[in-house]
Amino acid sequence: METFIGSVAGIVSTICWMPQTIRTWRTKHTKDLSLSTNLLVFVSVALWLVYGVMLEAWPMVIANAIALALVGSIIVAKLKFG
């Protein structure tokens, strides 16, 4: 049951970054995005990823690895497009 709940939580928390990432790259509009907030989210997700690896909690690892890529992509877009 714990793995199921962790998997669902991971899916939902990862999916929540997809619309922002897609919109950011489609419109190239990043003026309203906070770089500092996205950097803090990136660091927190990276730490959750490391924690998941330490616990061998693979749903947590997979979800946070994907979220890290999505948030990282938003940061790259912010730096590239201003």
Protein backbone atom coordinates (compact mmCIF):
# COMPACT_ATOMS: atom_id res chain seq x y z
CA MET A 1 0.00 0.00 0.00
CA GLU A 2 2.86 2.40 0.78
CA THR A 3 4.35 1.89 -2.67
CA PHE A 4 0.98 2.57 -4.30
CA ILE A 5 0.48 5.82 -2.36
CA GLY A 6 4.06 6.86 -3.07
CA SER A 7 3.60 6.11 -6.77
CA VAL A 8 0.38 8.11 -7.00
CA ALA A 9 1.95 11.01 -5.11
CA GLY A 10 4.94 10.89 -7.43
CA ILE A 11 2.80 10.87 -10.55
CA VAL A 12 0.66 13.79 -9.38
CA SER A 13 3.60 15.89 -8.18
CA THR A 14 5.46 15.26 -11.44
CA ILE A 15 2.49 15.95 -13.71
CA CYS A 16 1.94 19.32 -12.03
CA TRP A 17 5.16 20.63 -13.63
CA MET A 18 4.28 19.56 -17.17
CA PRO A 19 1.83 22.36 -18.09
CA GLN A 20 4.25 25.08 -16.93
CA THR A 21 7.18 23.49 -18.73
CA ILE A 22 5.24 23.04 -21.98
CA ARG A 23 3.82 26.56 -21.85
CA THR A 24 7.18 28.11 -21.06
CA TRP A 25 8.87 26.49 -24.05
CA ARG A 26 5.95 27.11 -26.42
CA THR A 27 5.55 30.80 -25.62
CA LYS A 28 9.15 31.55 -24.60
CA HIS A 29 7.56 33.97 -22.12
CA THR A 30 9.33 33.75 -18.76
CA LYS A 31 9.02 37.28 -17.42
CA ASP A 32 6.45 36.26 -14.81
CA LEU A 33 8.43 33.23 -13.61
CA SER A 34 10.55 33.62 -10.52
CA LEU A 35 14.08 32.34 -11.03
CA SER A 36 14.76 32.19 -7.29
CA THR A 37 11.60 30.16 -6.64
CA ASN A 38 12.40 27.71 -9.41
CA LEU A 39 15.98 27.36 -8.16
CA LEU A 40 14.70 26.59 -4.65
CA VAL A 41 12.26 24.03 -6.04
CA PHE A 42 15.11 22.51 -8.08
CA VAL A 43 17.29 22.15 -4.98
CA SER A 44 14.44 20.70 -2.92
CA VAL A 45 13.55 18.18 -5.63
CA ALA A 46 17.23 17.23 -5.97
CA LEU A 47 17.39 16.61 -2.22
CA TRP A 48 14.21 14.50 -2.35
CA LEU A 49 15.81 12.53 -5.19
CA VAL A 50 18.94 11.86 -3.12
CA TYR A 51 16.78 10.92 -0.14
CA GLY A 52 14.78 8.52 -2.31
CA VAL A 53 17.98 6.88 -3.56
CA MET A 54 19.21 6.51 0.02
CA LEU A 55 15.93 4.83 1.01
CA GLU A 56 15.79 2.85 -2.25
CA ALA A 57 12.27 4.25 -2.67
CA TRP A 58 12.06 3.91 -6.45
CA PRO A 59 8.71 5.65 -6.97
CA MET A 60 10.23 8.66 -5.18
CA VAL A 61 13.41 8.43 -7.22
CA ILE A 62 11.65 8.20 -10.57
CA ALA A 63 9.16 10.98 -9.81
CA ASN A 64 11.84 13.34 -8.54
CA ALA A 65 14.20 12.59 -11.42
CA ILE A 66 11.46 13.54 -13.89
CA ALA A 67 10.46 16.60 -11.85
CA LEU A 68 14.11 17.65 -11.69
CA ALA A 69 14.30 17.53 -15.49
CA LEU A 70 11.07 19.53 -15.85
CA VAL A 71 12.02 22.21 -13.32
CA GLY A 72 15.53 22.31 -14.74
CA SER A 73 14.03 22.90 -18.17
CA ILE A 74 12.03 25.84 -16.82
CA ILE A 75 15.21 27.29 -15.29
CA VAL A 76 17.05 26.92 -18.59
CA ALA A 77 14.17 28.66 -20.39
CA LYS A 78 14.17 31.47 -17.82
CA LEU A 79 17.90 32.00 -18.29
CA LYS A 80 17.64 31.77 -22.07
CA PHE A 81 14.55 33.92 -22.65
CA GLY A 82 14.82 36.26 -19.67
